[in-house]
C-alpha atoms as a PDB file:
ATOM      1  CA  MET A   1     -19.112  27.162 163.466  1.00  0.00           C
ATOM      2  CA  LEU A   2     -20.790  30.338 162.250  1.00  0.00           C
ATOM      3  CA  ILE A   3     -21.551  31.361 165.823  1.00  0.00           C
ATOM      4  CA  PHE A   4     -17.903  30.805 166.774  1.00  0.00           C
ATOM      5  CA  LEU A   5     -16.701  32.974 163.891  1.00  0.00           C
ATOM      6  CA  PHE A   6     -19.213  35.666 164.838  1.00  0.00           C
ATOM      7  CA  LEU A   7     -17.965  35.727 168.439  1.00  0.00           C
ATOM      8  CA  ILE A   8     -14.364  35.904 167.249  1.00  0.00           C
ATOM      9  CA  SER A   9     -15.212  38.841 164.982  1.00  0.00           C
ATOM     10  CA  LEU A  10     -16.765  40.649 167.956  1.00  0.00           C
ATOM     11  CA  LEU A  11     -13.823  40.015 170.266  1.00  0.00           C
ATOM     12  CA  PHE A  12     -11.138  40.706 167.666  1.00  0.00           C
ATOM     13  CA  PRO A  13     -12.629  43.092 165.100  1.00  0.00           C
ATOM     14  CA  ILE A  14      -9.340  43.988 163.394  1.00  0.00           C
ATOM     15  CA  ILE A  15      -7.967  40.553 162.546  1.00  0.00           C
ATOM     16  CA  GLY A  16      -6.682  40.586 158.945  1.00  0.00           C
ATOM     17  CA  LEU A  17      -3.796  41.517 156.726  1.00  0.00           C
ATOM     18  CA  SER A  18      -4.258  45.278 157.019  1.00  0.00           C
ATOM     19  CA  ASP A  19      -1.884  47.080 159.365  1.00  0.00           C
ATOM     20  CA  SER A  20      -3.250  50.437 160.458  1.00  0.00           C
ATOM     21  CA  ALA A  21      -3.918  52.385 163.632  1.00  0.00           C
ATOM     22  CA  GLU A  22      -6.707  51.095 165.868  1.00  0.00           C
ATOM     23  CA  ASN A  23      -9.153  53.039 167.981  1.00  0.00           C
ATOM     24  CA  TRP A  24      -7.652  54.172 171.279  1.00  0.00           C
ATOM     25  CA  GLN A  25      -4.308  52.609 170.376  1.00  0.00           C
ATOM     26  CA  LEU A  26      -1.409  53.601 172.625  1.00  0.00           C
ATOM     27  CA  GLY A  27       1.359  51.257 171.512  1.00  0.00           C
ATOM     28  CA  PHE A  28       3.090  50.493 168.243  1.00  0.00           C
ATOM     29  CA  GLN A  29       1.509  48.816 165.266  1.00  0.00           C
ATOM     30  CA  ASP A  30       2.545  45.215 164.662  1.00  0.00           C
ATOM     31  CA  PRO A  31       6.022  45.156 163.095  1.00  0.00           C
ATOM     32  CA  ALA A  32       6.490  43.765 159.609  1.00  0.00           C
ATOM     33  CA  THR A  33      10.230  44.439 159.115  1.00  0.00           C
ATOM     34  CA  PRO A  34      13.342  43.652 161.179  1.00  0.00           C
ATOM     35  CA  ILE A  35      13.922  47.400 161.595  1.00  0.00           C
ATOM     36  CA  MET A  36      10.543  47.940 163.218  1.00  0.00           C
ATOM     37  CA  GLU A  37      11.108  44.927 165.442  1.00  0.00           C
ATOM     38  CA  GLY A  38      14.390  46.509 166.557  1.00  0.00           C
ATOM     39  CA  ILE A  39      12.674  49.862 167.216  1.00  0.00           C
ATOM     40  CA  ILE A  40      10.035  48.201 169.404  1.00  0.00           C
ATOM     41  CA  ASN A  41      12.635  46.155 171.304  1.00  0.00           C
ATOM     42  CA  LEU A  42      14.742  49.262 171.912  1.00  0.00           C
ATOM     43  CA  HIS A  43      11.648  51.099 173.138  1.00  0.00           C
ATOM     44  CA  HIS A  44      10.896  48.313 175.612  1.00  0.00           C
ATOM     45  CA  ASP A  45      14.494  48.287 176.848  1.00  0.00           C
ATOM     46  CA  LEU A  46      14.469  52.058 177.348  1.00  0.00           C
ATOM     47  CA  MET A  47      11.125  51.880 179.166  1.00  0.00           C
ATOM     48  CA  PHE A  48      12.705  49.485 181.667  1.00  0.00           C
ATOM     49  CA  PHE A  49      15.426  52.003 182.535  1.00  0.00           C
ATOM     50  CA  ILE A  50      12.906  54.860 182.579  1.00  0.00           C
ATOM     51  CA  CYS A  51      10.620  53.041 185.018  1.00  0.00           C
ATOM     52  CA  VAL A  52      13.460  52.031 187.336  1.00  0.00           C
ATOM     53  CA  ILE A  53      14.955  55.539 187.384  1.00  0.00           C
ATOM     54  CA  SER A  54      11.548  57.184 187.846  1.00  0.00           C
ATOM     55  CA  ILE A  55      10.658  54.935 190.785  1.00  0.00           C
ATOM     56  CA  PHE A  56      14.050  55.447 192.404  1.00  0.00           C
ATOM     57  CA  VAL A  57      13.993  59.254 192.025  1.00  0.00           C
ATOM     58  CA  THR A  58      10.405  59.441 193.313  1.00  0.00           C
ATOM     59  CA  TRP A  59      11.324  57.310 196.309  1.00  0.00           C
ATOM     60  CA  MET A  60      14.348  59.509 197.047  1.00  0.00           C
ATOM     61  CA  LEU A  61      12.259  62.698 196.848  1.00  0.00           C
ATOM     62  CA  PHE A  62       9.574  61.464 199.214  1.00  0.00           C
ATOM     63  CA  ARG A  63      12.171  59.994 201.563  1.00  0.00           C
ATOM     64  CA  THR A  64      13.985  63.326 201.659  1.00  0.00           C
ATOM     65  CA  LEU A  65      10.783  65.277 202.250  1.00  0.00           C
ATOM     66  CA  TRP A  66       9.824  62.934 205.074  1.00  0.00           C
ATOM     67  CA  HIS A  67      13.110  62.564 206.930  1.00  0.00           C
ATOM     68  CA  PHE A  68      14.359  66.116 206.461  1.00  0.00           C
ATOM     69  CA  ASN A  69      11.145  67.890 207.330  1.00  0.00           C
ATOM     70  CA  PHE A  70      11.734  70.880 209.604  1.00  0.00           C
ATOM     71  CA  ARG A  71       9.486  69.345 212.275  1.00  0.00           C
ATOM     72  CA  GLN A  72      11.772  66.317 212.552  1.00  0.00           C
ATOM     73  CA  ASN A  73      15.039  68.261 212.275  1.00  0.00           C
ATOM     74  CA  LYS A  74      15.051  71.257 214.580  1.00  0.00           C
ATOM     75  CA  ASN A  75      18.763  71.748 213.965  1.00  0.00           C
ATOM     76  CA  PRO A  76      19.560  71.903 210.225  1.00  0.00           C
ATOM     77  CA  SER A  77      22.393  69.728 208.940  1.00  0.00           C
ATOM     78  CA  SER A  78      25.703  71.424 208.136  1.00  0.00           C
ATOM     79  CA  LEU A  79      26.694  68.781 205.578  1.00  0.00           C
ATOM     80  CA  SER A  80      27.839  70.521 202.370  1.00  0.00           C
ATOM     81  CA  HIS A  81      28.743  67.616 200.087  1.00  0.00           C
ATOM     82  CA  GLY A  82      29.698  63.953 200.038  1.00  0.00           C
ATOM     83  CA  MET A  83      32.432  62.601 197.786  1.00  0.00           C
ATOM     84  CA  LEU A  84      31.026  59.058 197.642  1.00  0.00           C
ATOM     85  CA  ILE A  85      27.479  60.029 196.678  1.00  0.00           C
ATOM     86  CA  GLU A  86      28.749  62.460 194.028  1.00  0.00           C
ATOM     87  CA  ILE A  87      30.843  59.681 192.464  1.00  0.00           C
ATOM     88  CA  ILE A  88      27.855  57.322 192.522  1.00  0.00           C
ATOM     89  CA  TRP A  89      25.415  59.724 190.867  1.00  0.00           C
ATOM     90  CA  THR A  90      27.986  60.598 188.207  1.00  0.00           C
ATOM     91  CA  VAL A  91      29.258  57.130 187.332  1.00  0.00           C
ATOM     92  CA  THR A  92      25.876  55.356 187.440  1.00  0.00           C
ATOM     93  CA  PRO A  93      24.171  57.536 184.776  1.00  0.00           C
ATOM     94  CA  ALA A  94      27.274  57.273 182.591  1.00  0.00           C
ATOM     95  CA  ILE A  95      27.123  53.464 182.748  1.00  0.00           C
ATOM     96  CA  ILE A  96      23.392  53.503 181.950  1.00  0.00           C
ATOM     97  CA  LEU A  97      23.977  55.749 178.928  1.00  0.00           C
ATOM     98  CA  LEU A  98      26.717  53.437 177.661  1.00  0.00           C
ATOM     99  CA  VAL A  99      24.405  50.425 178.009  1.00  0.00           C
ATOM    100  CA  ILE A 100      21.691  52.281 176.075  1.00  0.00           C
ATOM    101  CA  ALA A 101      24.109  53.522 173.403  1.00  0.00           C
ATOM    102  CA  ILE A 102      25.146  50.052 172.237  1.00  0.00           C
ATOM    103  CA  PRO A 103      21.725  48.900 170.878  1.00  0.00           C
ATOM    104  CA  SER A 104      20.907  52.458 169.775  1.00  0.00           C
ATOM    105  CA  PHE A 105      23.936  52.795 167.499  1.00  0.00           C
ATOM    106  CA  SER A 106      23.437  49.244 166.224  1.00  0.00           C
ATOM    107  CA  LEU A 107      19.862  50.066 165.227  1.00  0.00           C
ATOM    108  CA  LEU A 108      20.883  53.364 163.613  1.00  0.00           C
ATOM    109  CA  TYR A 109      23.515  51.554 161.553  1.00  0.00           C
ATOM    110  CA  ALA A 110      20.973  48.931 160.453  1.00  0.00           C
ATOM    111  CA  MET A 111      18.502  51.645 159.413  1.00  0.00           C
ATOM    112  CA  ASP A 112      21.059  53.335 157.152  1.00  0.00           C
ATOM    113  CA  GLU A 113      22.441  50.137 155.632  1.00  0.00           C
ATOM    114  CA  ILE A 114      21.389  49.195 152.096  1.00  0.00           C
ATOM    115  CA  ILE A 115      21.898  45.443 151.549  1.00  0.00           C
ATOM    116  CA  SER A 116      22.231  44.519 147.855  1.00  0.00           C
ATOM    117  CA  PRO A 117      18.724  45.564 146.821  1.00  0.00           C
ATOM    118  CA  ALA A 118      16.911  43.332 144.335  1.00  0.00           C
ATOM    119  CA  ILE A 119      14.386  46.066 143.505  1.00  0.00           C
ATOM    120  CA  THR A 120      14.636  49.848 143.372  1.00  0.00           C
ATOM    121  CA  ILE A 121      11.492  51.961 143.644  1.00  0.00           C
ATOM    122  CA  LYS A 122      11.482  55.726 143.188  1.00  0.00           C
ATOM    123  CA  THR A 123       8.949  57.558 145.332  1.00  0.00           C
ATOM    124  CA  LEU A 124       8.048  61.144 144.474  1.00  0.00           C
ATOM    125  CA  GLY A 125       5.888  63.365 146.652  1.00  0.00           C
ATOM    126  CA  HIS A 126       3.513  65.894 145.129  1.00  0.00           C
ATOM    127  CA  GLN A 127       0.840  68.230 146.412  1.00  0.00           C
ATOM    128  CA  TRP A 128      -1.032  66.094 147.368  1.00  0.00           C
ATOM    129  CA  TYR A 129      -0.363  62.582 146.142  1.00  0.00           C
ATOM    130  CA  TRP A 130       2.485  60.129 145.660  1.00  0.00           C
ATOM    131  CA  SER A 131       3.919  58.706 142.466  1.00  0.00           C
ATOM    132  CA  TYR A 132       5.972  55.523 142.111  1.00  0.00           C
ATOM    133  CA  GLU A 133       8.417  54.357 139.470  1.00  0.00           C
ATOM    134  CA  TYR A 134       9.780  50.828 139.067  1.00  0.00           C
ATOM    135  CA  SER A 135      12.812  51.638 136.929  1.00  0.00           C
ATOM    136  CA  ASP A 136      14.119  48.045 136.961  1.00  0.00           C
ATOM    137  CA  TYR A 137      11.432  46.921 134.510  1.00  0.00           C
ATOM    138  CA  LEU A 138      10.973  48.206 130.961  1.00  0.00           C
ATOM    139  CA  ASN A 139       8.259  47.437 128.435  1.00  0.00           C
ATOM    140  CA  GLU A 140       8.724  47.053 124.677  1.00  0.00           C
ATOM    141  CA  GLU A 141       8.819  50.831 124.232  1.00  0.00           C
ATOM    142  CA  GLY A 142      11.610  51.119 126.818  1.00  0.00           C
ATOM    143  CA  GLU A 143       9.330  52.782 129.372  1.00  0.00           C
ATOM    144  CA  SER A 144       9.439  51.912 133.042  1.00  0.00           C
ATOM    145  CA  ILE A 145       6.432  51.299 135.268  1.00  0.00           C
ATOM    146  CA  MET A 146       5.130  54.632 136.579  1.00  0.00           C
ATOM    147  CA  TYR A 147       1.826  55.500 138.237  1.00  0.00           C
ATOM    148  CA  ASP A 148       0.268  57.953 140.672  1.00  0.00           C
ATOM    149  CA  SER A 149      -1.373  57.105 143.970  1.00  0.00           C
ATOM    150  CA  TYR A 150      -4.297  59.256 145.112  1.00  0.00           C
ATOM    151  CA  MET A 151      -6.457  58.971 148.199  1.00  0.00           C
ATOM    152  CA  ILE A 152      -9.891  57.445 147.598  1.00  0.00           C
ATOM    153  CA  PRO A 153     -12.588  59.971 148.598  1.00  0.00           C
ATOM    154  CA  GLU A 154     -14.832  58.970 151.471  1.00  0.00           C
ATOM    155  CA  GLU A 155     -17.913  58.716 149.279  1.00  0.00           C
ATOM    156  CA  ASP A 156     -16.148  56.176 147.022  1.00  0.00           C
ATOM    157  CA  LEU A 157     -14.970  53.851 149.783  1.00  0.00           C
ATOM    158  CA  GLU A 158     -16.129  50.258 149.727  1.00  0.00           C
ATOM    159  CA  THR A 159     -17.133  48.204 152.744  1.00  0.00           C
ATOM    160  CA  GLY A 160     -14.097  47.503 154.939  1.00  0.00           C
ATOM    161  CA  GLN A 161     -11.865  50.171 153.435  1.00  0.00           C
ATOM    162  CA  LEU A 162     -10.240  52.696 155.736  1.00  0.00           C
ATOM    163  CA  ARG A 163     -11.109  56.380 155.651  1.00  0.00           C
ATOM    164  CA  LEU A 164      -8.238  58.735 154.743  1.00  0.00           C
ATOM    165  CA  LEU A 165      -5.891  55.740 154.253  1.00  0.00           C
ATOM    166  CA  GLU A 166      -7.061  53.937 151.114  1.00  0.00           C
ATOM    167  CA  VAL A 167      -5.509  54.795 147.745  1.00  0.00           C
ATOM    168  CA  ASP A 168      -6.418  53.940 144.176  1.00  0.00           C
ATOM    169  CA  ASN A 169      -2.957  52.476 143.357  1.00  0.00           C
ATOM    170  CA  ARG A 170      -0.923  50.849 146.092  1.00  0.00           C
ATOM    171  CA  MET A 171       2.833  50.394 146.070  1.00  0.00           C
ATOM    172  CA  VAL A 172       3.346  46.644 145.547  1.00  0.00           C
ATOM    173  CA  VAL A 173       6.470  44.850 146.783  1.00  0.00           C
ATOM    174  CA  PRO A 174       7.384  41.181 147.320  1.00  0.00           C
ATOM    175  CA  VAL A 175       7.982  39.744 150.768  1.00  0.00           C
ATOM    176  CA  ASN A 176      11.399  38.540 151.957  1.00  0.00           C
ATOM    177  CA  THR A 177      13.118  40.736 149.357  1.00  0.00           C
ATOM    178  CA  HIS A 178      15.537  43.596 149.855  1.00  0.00           C
ATOM    179  CA  VAL A 179      14.002  46.736 148.347  1.00  0.00           C
ATOM    180  CA  ARG A 180      15.651  50.138 147.994  1.00  0.00           C
ATOM    181  CA  LEU A 181      13.441  53.207 148.124  1.00  0.00           C
ATOM    182  CA  ILE A 182      14.634  56.449 146.584  1.00  0.00           C
ATOM    183  CA  VAL A 183      12.524  59.300 147.963  1.00  0.00           C
ATOM    184  CA  SER A 184      12.234  62.846 146.671  1.00  0.00           C
ATOM    185  CA  ALA A 185       9.627  65.569 146.097  1.00  0.00           C
ATOM    186  CA  ALA A 186       8.489  67.605 143.138  1.00  0.00           C
ATOM    187  CA  ASP A 187       7.292  70.752 144.889  1.00  0.00           C
ATOM    188  CA  VAL A 188       7.535  71.132 148.681  1.00  0.00           C
ATOM    189  CA  LEU A 189       8.771  69.076 151.615  1.00  0.00           C
ATOM    190  CA  HIS A 190       7.006  65.763 152.194  1.00  0.00           C
ATOM    191  CA  SER A 191       7.814  62.687 154.284  1.00  0.00           C
ATOM    192  CA  TRP A 192       7.122  59.066 153.304  1.00  0.00           C
ATOM    193  CA  ALA A 193       6.258  57.238 156.524  1.00  0.00           C
ATOM    194  CA  VAL A 194       4.748  53.804 157.234  1.00  0.00           C
ATOM    195  CA  PRO A 195       4.724  52.896 160.964  1.00  0.00           C
ATOM    196  CA  SER A 196       4.467  49.098 160.584  1.00  0.00           C
ATOM    197  CA  LEU A 197       7.537  49.105 158.339  1.00  0.00           C
ATOM    198  CA  GLY A 198       9.591  51.358 160.611  1.00  0.00           C
ATOM    199  CA  ILE A 199      10.187  53.883 157.816  1.00  0.00           C
ATOM    200  CA  LYS A 200      10.061  57.671 157.831  1.00  0.00           C
ATOM    201  CA  CYS A 201      12.057  59.213 155.016  1.00  0.00           C
ATOM    202  CA  ASP A 202      11.946  62.905 154.142  1.00  0.00           C
ATOM    203  CA  ALA A 203      11.103  63.849 150.573  1.00  0.00           C
ATOM    204  CA  ILE A 204      13.028  67.014 149.699  1.00  0.00           C
ATOM    205  CA  PRO A 205      12.844  68.773 146.307  1.00  0.00           C
ATOM    206  CA  GLY A 206      16.159  68.531 144.449  1.00  0.00           C
ATOM    207  CA  ARG A 207      17.550  65.894 146.783  1.00  0.00           C
ATOM    208  CA  LEU A 208      17.437  62.080 146.737  1.00  0.00           C
ATOM    209  CA  ASN A 209      17.113  60.232 150.009  1.00  0.00           C
ATOM    210  CA  GLN A 210      17.228  56.455 150.173  1.00  0.00           C
ATOM    211  CA  THR A 211      16.147  53.834 152.628  1.00  0.00           C
ATOM    212  CA  SER A 212      15.822  50.057 152.636  1.00  0.00           C
ATOM    213  CA  LEU A 213      12.829  47.797 153.040  1.00  0.00           C
ATOM    214  CA  PHE A 214      12.551  44.109 153.894  1.00  0.00           C
ATOM    215  CA  ILE A 215       8.992  42.986 154.636  1.00  0.00           C
ATOM    216  CA  LYS A 216       8.650  39.617 156.368  1.00  0.00           C
ATOM    217  CA  ARG A 217       4.937  38.933 155.949  1.00  0.00           C
ATOM    218  CA  GLU A 218       2.221  39.587 153.421  1.00  0.00           C
ATOM    219  CA  GLY A 219      -0.311  42.315 154.097  1.00  0.00           C
ATOM    220  CA  ILE A 220      -1.339  45.899 153.453  1.00  0.00           C
ATOM    221  CA  TYR A 221       0.521  48.552 155.405  1.00  0.00           C
ATOM    222  CA  TYR A 222      -0.767  52.100 155.741  1.00  0.00           C
ATOM    223  CA  GLY A 223       1.027  55.360 156.322  1.00  0.00           C
ATOM    224  CA  GLN A 224       0.653  59.065 155.725  1.00  0.00           C
ATOM    225  CA  CYS A 225       2.748  62.068 154.741  1.00  0.00           C
ATOM    226  CA  SER A 226       4.511  63.137 157.939  1.00  0.00           C
ATOM    227  CA  GLU A 227       5.692  66.606 156.913  1.00  0.00           C
ATOM    228  CA  ILE A 228       3.267  69.510 156.737  1.00  0.00           C
ATOM    229  CA  CYS A 229       3.046  70.247 153.024  1.00  0.00           C
ATOM    230  CA  GLY A 230       0.018  72.451 152.544  1.00  0.00           C
ATOM    231  CA  ILE A 231      -3.719  72.581 152.923  1.00  0.00           C
ATOM    232  CA  ASN A 232      -4.299  68.924 151.910  1.00  0.00           C
ATOM    233  CA  HIS A 233      -1.398  67.505 153.902  1.00  0.00           C
ATOM    234  CA  GLY A 234      -3.729  65.134 155.756  1.00  0.00           C
ATOM    235  CA  PHE A 235      -5.116  63.719 152.518  1.00  0.00           C
ATOM    236  CA  MET A 236      -2.119  62.035 150.904  1.00  0.00           C
ATOM    237  CA  PRO A 237      -1.958  58.548 152.452  1.00  0.00           C
ATOM    238  CA  ILE A 238       0.438  55.727 151.667  1.00  0.00           C
ATOM    239  CA  ALA A 239      -0.552  52.110 151.099  1.00  0.00           C
ATOM    240  CA  VAL A 240       2.068  49.394 150.659  1.00  0.00           C
ATOM    241  CA  GLU A 241       0.897  45.933 149.624  1.00  0.00           C
ATOM    242  CA  ALA A 242       3.327  43.092 150.319  1.00  0.00           C
ATOM    243  CA  VAL A 243       2.631  40.011 148.239  1.00  0.00           C
ATOM    244  CA  SER A 244       4.316  36.709 147.455  1.00  0.00           C
ATOM    245  CA  LEU A 245       6.993  36.643 144.790  1.00  0.00           C
ATOM    246  CA  PRO A 246       4.786  34.849 142.175  1.00  0.00           C
ATOM    247  CA  SER A 247       2.009  37.397 142.758  1.00  0.00           C
ATOM    248  CA  TYR A 248       4.522  40.217 142.418  1.00  0.00           C
ATOM    249  CA  ILE A 249       5.851  38.852 139.121  1.00  0.00           C
ATOM    250  CA  SER A 250       2.276  38.554 137.840  1.00  0.00           C
ATOM    251  CA  TRP A 251       1.553  42.161 138.894  1.00  0.00           C
ATOM    252  CA  ILE A 252       4.691  43.395 137.121  1.00  0.00           C
ATOM    253  CA  SER A 253       3.725  41.505 133.955  1.00  0.00           C
ATOM    254  CA  ASN A 254       0.278  43.072 133.976  1.00  0.00           C
ATOM    255  CA  LYS A 255       1.718  46.545 134.483  1.00  0.00           C
ATOM    256  CA  LEU A 256       4.180  46.117 131.623  1.00  0.00           C
ATOM    257  CA  SER A 257       1.414  44.979 129.278  1.00  0.00           C
ATOM    258  CA  GLU A 258      -0.831  47.970 130.026  1.00  0.00           C
END
């Protein structure tokens, strides 16, 4: 049994609950929200049209170069235009764009929709860390849950932790729950982005942006600030921990009692 587990660990070294970029990764990270699933599906649909169009155009170019080479056509053609072909290459792209537009607009609408959030979390970007506020919960002094999230330096990392992605205080949310994120910044432009969750929301000083979150599975999801915000822009990661509802309630209780 131990040998089997060892072989599995060699073949699949990144099996676990952490969602982050892998070495030499070219595709998307595994989706954890319906929005990210929609983004990946739309990408695959668009790639189908891109491949078909690219193959067709390449074939047409080589066919034209071969059949209309000056060695095979001593007398150049006097054809100036063709009504049928002009109608075809005008109508066909228009139909393709309409087919693409339907899922695109549907996905854009879903990304902007806020569905009766059960939890509201305020996210504030600073140079160069993030702070979170759970304003739905108040302790005996009437204070809400607030804390800062800093990157863990490389020399303080424990075995298995990810360089430039681990933080001292993760944002904790329950799974299968509609969460509203209110994003802003305290100094300069930032951007709160987590690829596995399909979220990239700009943090602008003096302005509140909002987005929704519905995580379908437990795990730890990593992101980074995606707007150049100064010399330490690459050192303000994001870590979102999705837990079960009982674990989330226990975490909230502990935070309120601190």
